[in-house]
């Protein structure tokens, strides 16, 4: 299966994504913020990076930018709920050219699995 990095600052959401994707046999690594995700992207190889857009210490745009610098760029999936001052759709518009697929929170397990399957096959 795929090696996937999940970058999500909300523990409950990160745990849910990890449980859903690991149930399919994927090798999951998690990051709690953008800086951690960027460090992992630069030190390990991933098939797919699933990132939130709004996170502390570097947002999803920073994560995607780091991935785009790699010779073997992973597929990039952003899932966002927006933030206090920005709607999820405005957040997605900001990074529309950086991500392969964009989704709006909340995302159900079936939609997440279906999207990840399409992205890695």
PDB file of N, CA and C in Angstrom:
ATOM      1  N   UNK A   1       0.843  -1.180   0.000  1.00  0.00           N
ATOM      2  CA  UNK A   1       0.000   0.000   0.000  1.00  0.00           C
ATOM      3  C   UNK A   1       0.889   1.244   0.000  1.00  0.00           C
ATOM      4  N   UNK A   2       0.295   2.381   0.235  1.00  0.00           N
ATOM      5  CA  UNK A   2       1.013   3.650   0.114  1.00  0.00           C
ATOM      6  C   UNK A   2       1.598   4.109   1.445  1.00  0.00           C
ATOM      7  N   UNK A   3       2.667   4.886   1.332  1.00  0.00           N
ATOM      8  CA  UNK A   3       3.252   5.559   2.488  1.00  0.00           C
ATOM      9  C   UNK A   3       2.659   6.967   2.503  1.00  0.00           C
ATOM     10  N   UNK A   4       1.905   7.287   3.582  1.00  0.00           N
ATOM     11  CA  UNK A   4       1.123   8.522   3.638  1.00  0.00           C
ATOM     12  C   UNK A   4       1.523   9.356   4.850  1.00  0.00           C
ATOM     13  N   UNK A   5       1.713  10.651   4.612  1.00  0.00           N
ATOM     14  CA  UNK A   5       1.931  11.619   5.690  1.00  0.00           C
ATOM     15  C   UNK A   5       0.627  12.370   5.920  1.00  0.00           C
ATOM     16  N   UNK A   6       0.183  12.392   7.177  1.00  0.00           N
ATOM     17  CA  UNK A   6      -1.003  13.156   7.559  1.00  0.00           C
ATOM     18  C   UNK A   6      -0.532  14.343   8.386  1.00  0.00           C
ATOM     19  N   UNK A   7      -0.810  15.558   7.911  1.00  0.00           N
ATOM     20  CA  UNK A   7      -0.478  16.785   8.630  1.00  0.00           C
ATOM     21  C   UNK A   7      -1.776  17.447   9.063  1.00  0.00           C
ATOM     22  N   UNK A   8      -2.076  17.364  10.344  1.00  0.00           N
ATOM     23  CA  UNK A   8      -3.348  17.873  10.889  1.00  0.00           C
ATOM     24  C   UNK A   8      -3.111  18.237  12.348  1.00  0.00           C
ATOM     25  N   UNK A   9      -3.468  19.472  12.721  1.00  0.00           N
ATOM     26  CA  UNK A   9      -3.209  19.929  14.085  1.00  0.00           C
ATOM     27  C   UNK A   9      -4.290  19.533  15.082  1.00  0.00           C
ATOM     28  N   UNK A  10      -5.465  19.142  14.641  1.00  0.00           N
ATOM     29  CA  UNK A  10      -6.539  18.740  15.557  1.00  0.00           C
ATOM     30  C   UNK A  10      -6.418  17.232  15.798  1.00  0.00           C
ATOM     31  N   UNK A  11      -6.137  16.878  17.060  1.00  0.00           N
ATOM     32  CA  UNK A  11      -5.864  15.487  17.407  1.00  0.00           C
ATOM     33  C   UNK A  11      -6.952  14.522  16.955  1.00  0.00           C
ATOM     34  N   UNK A  12      -8.213  14.842  17.236  1.00  0.00           N
ATOM     35  CA  UNK A  12      -9.313  13.935  16.910  1.00  0.00           C
ATOM     36  C   UNK A  12      -9.403  13.679  15.407  1.00  0.00           C
ATOM     37  N   UNK A  13      -9.211  14.715  14.623  1.00  0.00           N
ATOM     38  CA  UNK A  13      -9.278  14.565  13.164  1.00  0.00           C
ATOM     39  C   UNK A  13      -8.098  13.756  12.665  1.00  0.00           C
ATOM     40  N   UNK A  14      -6.895  14.062  13.178  1.00  0.00           N
ATOM     41  CA  UNK A  14      -5.695  13.325  12.787  1.00  0.00           C
ATOM     42  C   UNK A  14      -5.836  11.836  13.122  1.00  0.00           C
ATOM     43  N   UNK A  15      -6.324  11.540  14.326  1.00  0.00           N
ATOM     44  CA  UNK A  15      -6.520  10.142  14.728  1.00  0.00           C
ATOM     45  C   UNK A  15      -7.529   9.444  13.825  1.00  0.00           C
ATOM     46  N   UNK A  16      -8.598  10.153  13.450  1.00  0.00           N
ATOM     47  CA  UNK A  16      -9.620   9.563  12.577  1.00  0.00           C
ATOM     48  C   UNK A  16      -9.036   9.249  11.204  1.00  0.00           C
ATOM     49  N   UNK A  17      -8.322  10.198  10.601  1.00  0.00           N
ATOM     50  CA  UNK A  17      -7.699   9.955   9.298  1.00  0.00           C
ATOM     51  C   UNK A  17      -6.729   8.782   9.382  1.00  0.00           C
ATOM     52  N   UNK A  18      -5.940   8.753  10.461  1.00  0.00           N
ATOM     53  CA  UNK A  18      -4.968   7.670  10.630  1.00  0.00           C
ATOM     54  C   UNK A  18      -5.669   6.313  10.725  1.00  0.00           C
ATOM     55  N   UNK A  19      -6.740   6.236  11.501  1.00  0.00           N
ATOM     56  CA  UNK A  19      -7.473   4.978  11.661  1.00  0.00           C
ATOM     57  C   UNK A  19      -8.099   4.528  10.344  1.00  0.00           C
ATOM     58  N   UNK A  20      -8.696   5.461   9.629  1.00  0.00           N
ATOM     59  CA  UNK A  20      -9.350   5.138   8.354  1.00  0.00           C
ATOM     60  C   UNK A  20      -8.329   4.626   7.343  1.00  0.00           C
ATOM     61  N   UNK A  21      -7.224   5.322   7.200  1.00  0.00           N
ATOM     62  CA  UNK A  21      -6.238   4.959   6.177  1.00  0.00           C
ATOM     63  C   UNK A  21      -5.401   3.749   6.567  1.00  0.00           C
ATOM     64  N   UNK A  22      -5.100   3.594   7.848  1.00  0.00           N
ATOM     65  CA  UNK A  22      -4.332   2.411   8.258  1.00  0.00           C
ATOM     66  C   UNK A  22      -5.185   1.145   8.163  1.00  0.00           C
ATOM     67  N   UNK A  23      -6.510   1.290   8.237  1.00  0.00           N
ATOM     68  CA  UNK A  23      -7.387   0.118   8.090  1.00  0.00           C
ATOM     69  C   UNK A  23      -7.294  -0.481   6.686  1.00  0.00           C
ATOM     70  N   UNK A  24      -6.832   0.320   5.728  1.00  0.00           N
ATOM     71  CA  UNK A  24      -6.628  -0.147   4.353  1.00  0.00           C
ATOM     72  C   UNK A  24      -5.212  -0.672   4.140  1.00  0.00           C
ATOM     73  N   UNK A  25      -4.394  -0.656   5.203  1.00  0.00           N
ATOM     74  CA  UNK A  25      -3.042  -1.183   5.106  1.00  0.00           C
ATOM     75  C   UNK A  25      -1.974  -0.166   4.758  1.00  0.00           C
ATOM     76  N   UNK A  26      -2.333   1.121   4.732  1.00  0.00           N
ATOM     77  CA  UNK A  26      -1.354   2.148   4.407  1.00  0.00           C
ATOM     78  C   UNK A  26      -0.389   2.366   5.572  1.00  0.00           C
ATOM     79  N   UNK A  27       0.830   2.734   5.243  1.00  0.00           N
ATOM     80  CA  UNK A  27       1.859   3.077   6.222  1.00  0.00           C
ATOM     81  C   UNK A  27       1.709   4.562   6.526  1.00  0.00           C
ATOM     82  N   UNK A  28       1.292   4.889   7.749  1.00  0.00           N
ATOM     83  CA  UNK A  28       0.939   6.261   8.105  1.00  0.00           C
ATOM     84  C   UNK A  28       1.985   6.886   9.015  1.00  0.00           C
ATOM     85  N   UNK A  29       2.356   8.123   8.692  1.00  0.00           N
ATOM     86  CA  UNK A  29       3.185   8.967   9.552  1.00  0.00           C
ATOM     87  C   UNK A  29       2.375  10.225   9.801  1.00  0.00           C
ATOM     88  N   UNK A  30       2.417  10.735  11.039  1.00  0.00           N
ATOM     89  CA  UNK A  30       1.612  11.915  11.370  1.00  0.00           C
ATOM     90  C   UNK A  30       2.474  13.089  11.795  1.00  0.00           C
ATOM     91  N   UNK A  31       2.000  14.288  11.450  1.00  0.00           N
ATOM     92  CA  UNK A  31       2.614  15.544  11.870  1.00  0.00           C
ATOM     93  C   UNK A  31       1.529  16.402  12.517  1.00  0.00           C
ATOM     94  N   UNK A  32       1.911  17.132  13.562  1.00  0.00           N
ATOM     95  CA  UNK A  32       0.962  17.944  14.320  1.00  0.00           C
ATOM     96  C   UNK A  32       0.873  19.386  13.846  1.00  0.00           C
ATOM     97  N   UNK A  33       1.791  19.789  12.959  1.00  0.00           N
ATOM     98  CA  UNK A  33       1.799  21.159  12.464  1.00  0.00           C
ATOM     99  C   UNK A  33       2.575  21.211  11.148  1.00  0.00           C
ATOM    100  N   UNK A  34       2.591  22.372  10.536  1.00  0.00           N
ATOM    101  CA  UNK A  34       3.238  22.525   9.239  1.00  0.00           C
ATOM    102  C   UNK A  34       4.744  22.336   9.279  1.00  0.00           C
ATOM    103  N   UNK A  35       5.399  22.821  10.322  1.00  0.00           N
ATOM    104  CA  UNK A  35       6.856  22.676  10.435  1.00  0.00           C
ATOM    105  C   UNK A  35       7.251  21.209  10.525  1.00  0.00           C
ATOM    106  N   UNK A  36       6.534  20.480  11.366  1.00  0.00           N
ATOM    107  CA  UNK A  36       6.799  19.043  11.524  1.00  0.00           C
ATOM    108  C   UNK A  36       6.594  18.318  10.184  1.00  0.00           C
ATOM    109  N   UNK A  37       5.524  18.665   9.483  1.00  0.00           N
ATOM    110  CA  UNK A  37       5.238  18.033   8.192  1.00  0.00           C
ATOM    111  C   UNK A  37       6.331  18.336   7.179  1.00  0.00           C
ATOM    112  N   UNK A  38       6.773  19.584   7.126  1.00  0.00           N
ATOM    113  CA  UNK A  38       7.830  19.974   6.196  1.00  0.00           C
ATOM    114  C   UNK A  38       9.132  19.240   6.514  1.00  0.00           C
ATOM    115  N   UNK A  39       9.465  19.128   7.790  1.00  0.00           N
ATOM    116  CA  UNK A  39      10.665  18.370   8.188  1.00  0.00           C
ATOM    117  C   UNK A  39      10.567  16.922   7.722  1.00  0.00           C
ATOM    118  N   UNK A  40       9.399  16.305   7.896  1.00  0.00           N
ATOM    119  CA  UNK A  40       9.207  14.909   7.482  1.00  0.00           C
ATOM    120  C   UNK A  40       9.277  14.761   5.965  1.00  0.00           C
ATOM    121  N   UNK A  41       8.701  15.700   5.243  1.00  0.00           N
ATOM    122  CA  UNK A  41       8.751  15.664   3.774  1.00  0.00           C
ATOM    123  C   UNK A  41      10.195  15.723   3.280  1.00  0.00           C
ATOM    124  N   UNK A  42      11.016  16.510   3.968  1.00  0.00           N
ATOM    125  CA  UNK A  42      12.409  16.667   3.563  1.00  0.00           C
ATOM    126  C   UNK A  42      13.308  15.514   4.007  1.00  0.00           C
ATOM    127  N   UNK A  43      12.823  14.675   4.927  1.00  0.00           N
ATOM    128  CA  UNK A  43      13.666  13.589   5.430  1.00  0.00           C
ATOM    129  C   UNK A  43      13.178  12.189   5.049  1.00  0.00           C
ATOM    130  N   UNK A  44      11.974  12.073   4.533  1.00  0.00           N
ATOM    131  CA  UNK A  44      11.407  10.777   4.158  1.00  0.00           C
ATOM    132  C   UNK A  44      10.687  10.908   2.825  1.00  0.00           C
ATOM    133  N   UNK A  45      10.449   9.769   2.209  1.00  0.00           N
ATOM    134  CA  UNK A  45       9.707   9.783   0.944  1.00  0.00           C
ATOM    135  C   UNK A  45       8.294   9.276   1.184  1.00  0.00           C
ATOM    136  N   UNK A  46       7.307  10.002   0.658  1.00  0.00           N
ATOM    137  CA  UNK A  46       5.907   9.639   0.804  1.00  0.00           C
ATOM    138  C   UNK A  46       5.257   9.541  -0.569  1.00  0.00           C
ATOM    139  N   UNK A  47       4.253   8.671  -0.665  1.00  0.00           N
ATOM    140  CA  UNK A  47       3.461   8.563  -1.885  1.00  0.00           C
ATOM    141  C   UNK A  47       2.371   9.625  -1.921  1.00  0.00           C
ATOM    142  N   UNK A  48       1.882   9.976  -0.722  1.00  0.00           N
ATOM    143  CA  UNK A  48       0.772  10.916  -0.596  1.00  0.00           C
ATOM    144  C   UNK A  48       0.949  11.740   0.674  1.00  0.00           C
ATOM    145  N   UNK A  49       0.665  13.021   0.574  1.00  0.00           N
ATOM    146  CA  UNK A  49       0.625  13.897   1.742  1.00  0.00           C
ATOM    147  C   UNK A  49      -0.787  14.437   1.851  1.00  0.00           C
ATOM    148  N   UNK A  50      -1.426  14.158   2.978  1.00  0.00           N
ATOM    149  CA  UNK A  50      -2.751  14.687   3.302  1.00  0.00           C
ATOM    150  C   UNK A  50      -2.518  15.785   4.322  1.00  0.00           C
ATOM    151  N   UNK A  51      -2.893  17.009   3.989  1.00  0.00           N
ATOM    152  CA  UNK A  51      -2.637  18.125   4.898  1.00  0.00           C
ATOM    153  C   UNK A  51      -3.865  18.991   5.109  1.00  0.00           C
ATOM    154  N   UNK A  52      -3.947  19.528   6.297  1.00  0.00           N
ATOM    155  CA  UNK A  52      -4.911  20.573   6.596  1.00  0.00           C
ATOM    156  C   UNK A  52      -4.354  21.857   5.994  1.00  0.00           C
ATOM    157  N   UNK A  53      -5.189  22.830   5.743  1.00  0.00           N
ATOM    158  CA  UNK A  53      -4.699  24.100   5.214  1.00  0.00           C
ATOM    159  C   UNK A  53      -4.257  25.017   6.352  1.00  0.00           C
ATOM    160  N   UNK A  54      -5.082  25.158   7.381  1.00  0.00           N
ATOM    161  CA  UNK A  54      -4.795  26.083   8.475  1.00  0.00           C
ATOM    162  C   UNK A  54      -4.227  25.311   9.662  1.00  0.00           C
ATOM    163  N   UNK A  55      -2.924  25.496   9.898  1.00  0.00           N
ATOM    164  CA  UNK A  55      -2.240  24.844  11.020  1.00  0.00           C
ATOM    165  C   UNK A  55      -1.234  25.822  11.611  1.00  0.00           C
ATOM    166  N   UNK A  56      -0.846  25.590  12.855  1.00  0.00           N
ATOM    167  CA  UNK A  56       0.215  26.422  13.435  1.00  0.00           C
ATOM    168  C   UNK A  56       1.583  26.039  12.858  1.00  0.00           C
ATOM    169  N   UNK A  57       2.520  26.937  12.984  1.00  0.00           N
ATOM    170  CA  UNK A  57       3.910  26.707  12.581  1.00  0.00           C
ATOM    171  C   UNK A  57       4.060  26.288  11.119  1.00  0.00           C
ATOM    172  N   UNK A  58       3.289  26.884  10.264  1.00  0.00           N
ATOM    173  CA  UNK A  58       3.345  26.570   8.837  1.00  0.00           C
ATOM    174  C   UNK A  58       2.041  25.945   8.392  1.00  0.00           C
ATOM    175  N   UNK A  59       1.436  26.521   7.375  1.00  0.00           N
ATOM    176  CA  UNK A  59       0.140  26.037   6.917  1.00  0.00           C
ATOM    177  C   UNK A  59       0.293  25.023   5.783  1.00  0.00           C
ATOM    178  N   UNK A  60      -0.830  24.622   5.222  1.00  0.00           N
ATOM    179  CA  UNK A  60      -0.821  23.654   4.127  1.00  0.00           C
ATOM    180  C   UNK A  60      -0.094  24.140   2.894  1.00  0.00           C
ATOM    181  N   UNK A  61      -0.067  25.454   2.693  1.00  0.00           N
ATOM    182  CA  UNK A  61       0.672  26.012   1.555  1.00  0.00           C
ATOM    183  C   UNK A  61       2.173  25.776   1.722  1.00  0.00           C
ATOM    184  N   UNK A  62       2.675  25.915   2.945  1.00  0.00           N
ATOM    185  CA  UNK A  62       4.095  25.637   3.228  1.00  0.00           C
ATOM    186  C   UNK A  62       4.409  24.165   3.003  1.00  0.00           C
ATOM    187  N   UNK A  63       3.502  23.311   3.439  1.00  0.00           N
ATOM    188  CA  UNK A  63       3.685  21.860   3.270  1.00  0.00           C
ATOM    189  C   UNK A  63       3.727  21.522   1.781  1.00  0.00           C
ATOM    190  N   UNK A  64       2.779  22.045   1.016  1.00  0.00           N
ATOM    191  CA  UNK A  64       2.739  21.769  -0.421  1.00  0.00           C
ATOM    192  C   UNK A  64       3.963  22.335  -1.132  1.00  0.00           C
ATOM    193  N   UNK A  65       4.385  23.517  -0.743  1.00  0.00           N
ATOM    194  CA  UNK A  65       5.572  24.121  -1.363  1.00  0.00           C
ATOM    195  C   UNK A  65       6.807  23.268  -1.132  1.00  0.00           C
ATOM    196  N   UNK A  66       6.953  22.727   0.072  1.00  0.00           N
ATOM    197  CA  UNK A  66       8.090  21.842   0.362  1.00  0.00           C
ATOM    198  C   UNK A  66       8.022  20.590  -0.504  1.00  0.00           C
ATOM    199  N   UNK A  67       6.841  20.035  -0.669  1.00  0.00           N
ATOM    200  CA  UNK A  67       6.681  18.826  -1.491  1.00  0.00           C
ATOM    201  C   UNK A  67       7.002  19.102  -2.949  1.00  0.00           C
ATOM    202  N   UNK A  68       6.644  20.270  -3.446  1.00  0.00           N
ATOM    203  CA  UNK A  68       6.887  20.615  -4.848  1.00  0.00           C
ATOM    204  C   UNK A  68       8.375  20.759  -5.169  1.00  0.00           C
ATOM    205  N   UNK A  69       9.198  20.951  -4.166  1.00  0.00           N
ATOM    206  CA  UNK A  69      10.643  21.079  -4.374  1.00  0.00           C
ATOM    207  C   UNK A  69      11.328  19.726  -4.537  1.00  0.00           C
ATOM    208  N   UNK A  70      10.626  18.652  -4.233  1.00  0.00           N
ATOM    209  CA  UNK A  70      11.209  17.315  -4.287  1.00  0.00           C
ATOM    210  C   UNK A  70      11.262  16.786  -5.715  1.00  0.00           C
ATOM    211  N   UNK A  71      12.265  15.982  -5.979  1.00  0.00           N
ATOM    212  CA  UNK A  71      12.389  15.358  -7.298  1.00  0.00           C
ATOM    213  C   UNK A  71      11.235  14.383  -7.532  1.00  0.00           C
ATOM    214  N   UNK A  72      10.922  13.583  -6.517  1.00  0.00           N
ATOM    215  CA  UNK A  72       9.798  12.636  -6.595  1.00  0.00           C
ATOM    216  C   UNK A  72       8.674  13.156  -5.708  1.00  0.00           C
ATOM    217  N   UNK A  73       7.934  14.139  -6.232  1.00  0.00           N
ATOM    218  CA  UNK A  73       6.881  14.778  -5.448  1.00  0.00           C
ATOM    219  C   UNK A  73       5.753  13.807  -5.135  1.00  0.00           C
ATOM    220  N   UNK A  74       5.335  13.777  -3.858  1.00  0.00           N
ATOM    221  CA  UNK A  74       4.160  12.964  -3.520  1.00  0.00           C
ATOM    222  C   UNK A  74       2.891  13.625  -4.038  1.00  0.00           C
ATOM    223  N   UNK A  75       1.830  12.847  -4.143  1.00  0.00           N
ATOM    224  CA  UNK A  75       0.512  13.408  -4.440  1.00  0.00           C
ATOM    225  C   UNK A  75       0.111  14.254  -3.235  1.00  0.00           C
ATOM    226  N   UNK A  76      -0.633  15.317  -3.480  1.00  0.00           N
ATOM    227  CA  UNK A  76      -1.002  16.252  -2.418  1.00  0.00           C
ATOM    228  C   UNK A  76      -2.515  16.387  -2.309  1.00  0.00           C
ATOM    229  N   UNK A  77      -3.028  16.068  -1.124  1.00  0.00           N
ATOM    230  CA  UNK A  77      -4.452  16.157  -0.808  1.00  0.00           C
ATOM    231  C   UNK A  77      -4.620  17.147   0.337  1.00  0.00           C
ATOM    232  N   UNK A  78      -5.400  18.193   0.129  1.00  0.00           N
ATOM    233  CA  UNK A  78      -5.687  19.142   1.201  1.00  0.00           C
ATOM    234  C   UNK A  78      -7.146  18.956   1.616  1.00  0.00           C
ATOM    235  N   UNK A  79      -7.347  18.920   2.939  1.00  0.00           N
ATOM    236  CA  UNK A  79      -8.695  18.860   3.505  1.00  0.00           C
ATOM    237  C   UNK A  79      -8.777  19.992   4.510  1.00  0.00           C
ATOM    238  N   UNK A  80      -9.685  20.933   4.291  1.00  0.00           N
ATOM    239  CA  UNK A  80      -9.739  22.105   5.160  1.00  0.00           C
ATOM    240  C   UNK A  80     -11.154  22.458   5.577  1.00  0.00           C
ATOM    241  N   UNK A  81     -11.223  23.058   6.725  1.00  0.00           N
ATOM    242  CA  UNK A  81     -12.481  23.616   7.210  1.00  0.00           C
ATOM    243  C   UNK A  81     -12.416  25.126   7.234  1.00  0.00           C
ATOM    244  N   UNK A  82     -11.337  25.673   6.677  1.00  0.00           N
ATOM    245  CA  UNK A  82     -11.145  27.119   6.716  1.00  0.00           C
ATOM    246  C   UNK A  82     -10.619  27.528   8.083  1.00  0.00           C
ATOM    247  N   UNK A  83     -10.923  28.732   8.471  1.00  0.00           N
ATOM    248  CA  UNK A  83     -10.457  29.252   9.755  1.00  0.00           C
ATOM    249  C   UNK A  83     -11.379  30.332  10.253  1.00  0.00           C
ATOM    250  N   UNK A  84     -10.920  31.039  11.276  1.00  0.00           N
ATOM    251  CA  UNK A  84     -11.750  32.096  11.873  1.00  0.00           C
ATOM    252  C   UNK A  84     -12.067  33.216  10.901  1.00  0.00           C
ATOM    253  N   UNK A  85     -11.131  33.517  10.004  1.00  0.00           N
ATOM    254  CA  UNK A  85     -11.314  34.662   9.120  1.00  0.00           C
ATOM    255  C   UNK A  85     -11.421  34.288   7.649  1.00  0.00           C
ATOM    256  N   UNK A  86     -11.513  33.006   7.372  1.00  0.00           N
ATOM    257  CA  UNK A  86     -11.538  32.580   5.975  1.00  0.00           C
ATOM    258  C   UNK A  86     -12.416  31.342   5.840  1.00  0.00           C
ATOM    259  N   UNK A  87     -13.218  31.291   4.793  1.00  0.00           N
ATOM    260  CA  UNK A  87     -14.074  30.128   4.567  1.00  0.00           C
ATOM    261  C   UNK A  87     -13.233  28.994   3.996  1.00  0.00           C
ATOM    262  N   UNK A  88     -13.718  27.760   4.079  1.00  0.00           N
ATOM    263  CA  UNK A  88     -12.956  26.657   3.494  1.00  0.00           C
ATOM    264  C   UNK A  88     -12.758  26.829   1.988  1.00  0.00           C
ATOM    265  N   UNK A  89     -13.728  27.415   1.320  1.00  0.00           N
ATOM    266  CA  UNK A  89     -13.627  27.591  -0.127  1.00  0.00           C
ATOM    267  C   UNK A  89     -12.591  28.649  -0.489  1.00  0.00           C
ATOM    268  N   UNK A  90     -12.491  29.700   0.330  1.00  0.00           N
ATOM    269  CA  UNK A  90     -11.447  30.709   0.115  1.00  0.00           C
ATOM    270  C   UNK A  90     -10.068  30.095   0.375  1.00  0.00           C
ATOM    271  N   UNK A  91      -9.974  29.252   1.396  1.00  0.00           N
ATOM    272  CA  UNK A  91      -8.703  28.585   1.708  1.00  0.00           C
ATOM    273  C   UNK A  91      -8.274  27.686   0.552  1.00  0.00           C
ATOM    274  N   UNK A  92      -9.215  26.956  -0.010  1.00  0.00           N
ATOM    275  CA  UNK A  92      -8.892  26.068  -1.129  1.00  0.00           C
ATOM    276  C   UNK A  92      -8.477  26.867  -2.357  1.00  0.00           C
ATOM    277  N   UNK A  93      -9.118  27.985  -2.579  1.00  0.00           N
ATOM    278  CA  UNK A  93      -8.793  28.827  -3.730  1.00  0.00           C
ATOM    279  C   UNK A  93      -7.343  29.312  -3.649  1.00  0.00           C
ATOM    280  N   UNK A  94      -6.862  29.577  -2.431  1.00  0.00           N
ATOM    281  CA  UNK A  94      -5.490  30.049  -2.244  1.00  0.00           C
ATOM    282  C   UNK A  94      -4.460  29.029  -2.740  1.00  0.00           C
ATOM    283  N   UNK A  95      -4.765  27.753  -2.601  1.00  0.00           N
ATOM    284  CA  UNK A  95      -3.788  26.741  -2.964  1.00  0.00           C
ATOM    285  C   UNK A  95      -4.191  25.843  -4.106  1.00  0.00           C
ATOM    286  N   UNK A  96      -5.141  26.290  -4.914  1.00  0.00           N
ATOM    287  CA  UNK A  96      -5.698  25.417  -5.937  1.00  0.00           C
ATOM    288  C   UNK A  96      -4.662  24.876  -6.921  1.00  0.00           C
ATOM    289  N   UNK A  97      -3.579  25.590  -7.155  1.00  0.00           N
ATOM    290  CA  UNK A  97      -2.578  25.122  -8.112  1.00  0.00           C
ATOM    291  C   UNK A  97      -1.490  24.278  -7.454  1.00  0.00           C
ATOM    292  N   UNK A  98      -1.505  24.202  -6.122  1.00  0.00           N
ATOM    293  CA  UNK A  98      -0.485  23.432  -5.407  1.00  0.00           C
ATOM    294  C   UNK A  98      -0.919  22.000  -5.095  1.00  0.00           C
ATOM    295  N   UNK A  99      -2.229  21.774  -5.015  1.00  0.00           N
ATOM    296  CA  UNK A  99      -2.743  20.478  -4.574  1.00  0.00           C
ATOM    297  C   UNK A  99      -3.350  19.698  -5.725  1.00  0.00           C
ATOM    298  N   UNK A 100      -3.194  18.375  -5.669  1.00  0.00           N
ATOM    299  CA  UNK A 100      -3.791  17.506  -6.681  1.00  0.00           C
ATOM    300  C   UNK A 100      -5.292  17.368  -6.469  1.00  0.00           C
ATOM    301  N   UNK A 101      -5.700  17.287  -5.197  1.00  0.00           N
ATOM    302  CA  UNK A 101      -7.121  17.139  -4.853  1.00  0.00           C
ATOM    303  C   UNK A 101      -7.393  17.969  -3.607  1.00  0.00           C
ATOM    304  N   UNK A 102      -8.564  18.599  -3.565  1.00  0.00           N
ATOM    305  CA  UNK A 102      -8.986  19.405  -2.422  1.00  0.00           C
ATOM    306  C   UNK A 102     -10.333  18.912  -1.931  1.00  0.00           C
ATOM    307  N   UNK A 103     -10.496  18.880  -0.605  1.00  0.00           N
ATOM    308  CA  UNK A 103     -11.761  18.470   0.002  1.00  0.00           C
ATOM    309  C   UNK A 103     -12.083  19.425   1.146  1.00  0.00           C
ATOM    310  N   UNK A 104     -13.371  19.541   1.472  1.00  0.00           N
ATOM    311  CA  UNK A 104     -13.829  20.404   2.553  1.00  0.00           C
ATOM    312  C   UNK A 104     -14.281  19.530   3.719  1.00  0.00           C
ATOM    313  N   UNK A 105     -13.852  19.916   4.939  1.00  0.00           N
ATOM    314  CA  UNK A 105     -14.279  19.216   6.157  1.00  0.00           C
ATOM    315  C   UNK A 105     -15.739  19.519   6.423  1.00  0.00           C
ATOM    316  N   UNK A 106     -16.463  18.593   7.009  1.00  0.00           N
ATOM    317  CA  UNK A 106     -16.035  17.251   7.400  1.00  0.00           C
ATOM    318  C   UNK A 106     -16.035  16.295   6.205  1.00  0.00           C
ATOM    319  N   UNK A 107     -15.142  15.333   6.255  1.00  0.00           N
ATOM    320  CA  UNK A 107     -15.019  14.316   5.206  1.00  0.00           C
ATOM    321  C   UNK A 107     -15.380  12.974   5.820  1.00  0.00           C
ATOM    322  N   UNK A 108     -16.286  12.240   5.167  1.00  0.00           N
ATOM    323  CA  UNK A 108     -16.627  10.924   5.719  1.00  0.00           C
ATOM    324  C   UNK A 108     -15.611   9.878   5.263  1.00  0.00           C
ATOM    325  N   UNK A 109     -15.584   8.766   5.967  1.00  0.00           N
ATOM    326  CA  UNK A 109     -14.574   7.728   5.729  1.00  0.00           C
ATOM    327  C   UNK A 109     -14.616   7.196   4.303  1.00  0.00           C
ATOM    328  N   UNK A 110     -15.799   6.958   3.754  1.00  0.00           N
ATOM    329  CA  UNK A 110     -15.912   6.410   2.406  1.00  0.00           C
ATOM    330  C   UNK A 110     -15.351   7.370   1.356  1.00  0.00           C
ATOM    331  N   UNK A 111     -15.657   8.660   1.502  1.00  0.00           N
ATOM    332  CA  UNK A 111     -15.141   9.644   0.549  1.00  0.00           C
ATOM    333  C   UNK A 111     -13.621   9.762   0.642  1.00  0.00           C
ATOM    334  N   UNK A 112     -13.092   9.720   1.855  1.00  0.00           N
ATOM    335  CA  UNK A 112     -11.641   9.791   2.033  1.00  0.00           C
ATOM    336  C   UNK A 112     -10.963   8.585   1.398  1.00  0.00           C
ATOM    337  N   UNK A 113     -11.469   7.397   1.671  1.00  0.00           N
ATOM    338  CA  UNK A 113     -10.871   6.184   1.104  1.00  0.00           C
ATOM    339  C   UNK A 113     -10.956   6.171  -0.416  1.00  0.00           C
ATOM    340  N   UNK A 114     -12.093   6.552  -0.943  1.00  0.00           N
ATOM    341  CA  UNK A 114     -12.281   6.596  -2.397  1.00  0.00           C
ATOM    342  C   UNK A 114     -11.299   7.571  -3.049  1.00  0.00           C
ATOM    343  N   UNK A 115     -11.141   8.734  -2.442  1.00  0.00           N
ATOM    344  CA  UNK A 115     -10.221   9.738  -2.982  1.00  0.00           C
ATOM    345  C   UNK A 115      -8.785   9.258  -2.921  1.00  0.00           C
ATOM    346  N   UNK A 116      -8.372   8.705  -1.803  1.00  0.00           N
ATOM    347  CA  UNK A 116      -6.994   8.221  -1.649  1.00  0.00           C
ATOM    348  C   UNK A 116      -6.726   7.081  -2.628  1.00  0.00           C
ATOM    349  N   UNK A 117      -7.675   6.168  -2.796  1.00  0.00           N
ATOM    350  CA  UNK A 117      -7.499   5.073  -3.763  1.00  0.00           C
ATOM    351  C   UNK A 117      -7.243   5.614  -5.169  1.00  0.00           C
ATOM    352  N   UNK A 118      -8.039   6.600  -5.574  1.00  0.00           N
ATOM    353  CA  UNK A 118      -7.863   7.200  -6.897  1.00  0.00           C
ATOM    354  C   UNK A 118      -6.506   7.874  -7.037  1.00  0.00           C
ATOM    355  N   UNK A 119      -6.076   8.535  -5.978  1.00  0.00           N
ATOM    356  CA  UNK A 119      -4.823   9.291  -6.035  1.00  0.00           C
ATOM    357  C   UNK A 119      -3.587   8.395  -6.099  1.00  0.00           C
ATOM    358  N   UNK A 120      -3.628   7.244  -5.458  1.00  0.00           N
ATOM    359  CA  UNK A 120      -2.433   6.396  -5.424  1.00  0.00           C
ATOM    360  C   UNK A 120      -2.418   5.334  -6.524  1.00  0.00           C
ATOM    361  N   UNK A 121      -3.514   5.183  -7.225  1.00  0.00           N
ATOM    362  CA  UNK A 121      -3.543   4.194  -8.319  1.00  0.00           C
ATOM    363  C   UNK A 121      -3.335   4.842  -9.667  1.00  0.00           C
TER     364      UNK A 121
END
